[in-house]
C-alpha cells in the first residue's frame, strides 16, 4: 500500500456557469502565454521590437495546433478509425492528443509565413522563442494530469501517480511521466538560456539545441509509458522519432556553426529604422563638421557685443561724440 502518491483530479472539467473550463485546454493556453511573454523579452533583448513575437505567434500557434493534432491522429489512427470507434472524436482536441513533433513542424510553417510578412529571419525568431517553447511544454504536460493519460509503468515510489478506474485505464499507481517530462522541459529551457548567453548562439542553433535536448529526454520518458502505441523493431514510434530528430538537430548545430558562425547583429530591420527616427526626432544629433555657432543659431558666450557707438553708420561716417 502506498503511503504517499500524487492524486489525480476527479474531473478534468470545471463548469463556470454555461462555460466549461477544461484543464487540458487551460494548460495549453497558459503554455502559449508563457512562450509568447518570455519570447518577447528575449526578442527585445536581441534588438527586436516589442510585440513582434506575438504578431508572428498569431500564425504559428494555429498551425501548431493543427499539426500537433494531425500527428496524433495519424500515428494513433486506430483510436478513431478502427471498428467500434467514432471518427468524429478525431476533432475533439479538448480530450487530449497533441503530438509535439507535428506541432513544431507545422508551427514552423506558420512562423515562416509570419516572419516573411515582417521581413524577419525565421532562425533568429526561433532562437528567441526556443526556451519559451520548452516552458510552454512544461505547462502543457499538466493537461495530461487532468485527463489521467500518458502515465508510465506501475510503481510504488512515493511520487507515484494514482489513476482511477476509467475507459482504457486500470486503477493503480504509476510513474508520473507527465511530471518527468514537465521537469525535463524546465531543465531544457535553463540549458538553452545558459548556452545562448555563454556561446552567443545564432542562426537557429539555440532552437536546435532545444530540439536536441528535448528529444534526449523524450526518448527515455517515452520508453517508460504504457499507453497503446505502434512499435518498430521493439521500440515505440515516438522513441524512433526522438532519436532521428535528435541526430538531425545535432547535425544542424555542427554544420551551421561552421557555415555561419556567430549570431545575427540585426534581427529586425524595422526596429533599427524606428530607433534612428526616434534619435532624429529627439534632437540627439551632433553638429556637422565645419559648422559655425551662427549656423546653429547660437551666439558664442565668450564674445562681448560691441558698443553701439562703435557701429558704423549707413552713410559710412562715424558718429561724433556729443559736447
Foldseek 3Di string as FASTA:
>chain_A
DFPAEAEFDPAQWDDPDPDIDGNLVVLLVVLVVQLLVQLQVLQVVLLDDRPLSVQLVVQLQVQLQVQQLVVQCVFPVCQAPNPPHPVVCSPVCSLDGGHNVRSVVRSLVSSVVSCVVQVFDSLQSLLSRQLSNLLSLLSNLCSCSNNVDFFFAADRPNHWYFDDDDPPDDTHTTHGLSNVLSVQSNVLSVVLVVCCVVFVDAPNLSNLSSLLSSLVSCLVSVQGTDHDGDDDPRGGPSNVVSVVSNVVSVVCNVVCCVVPNHHDSDRGVVSVVVVVVVCVVVPVDDDDPPDDPVNVVDDDPPDDDDDPQPDADPVRDHDDDDD
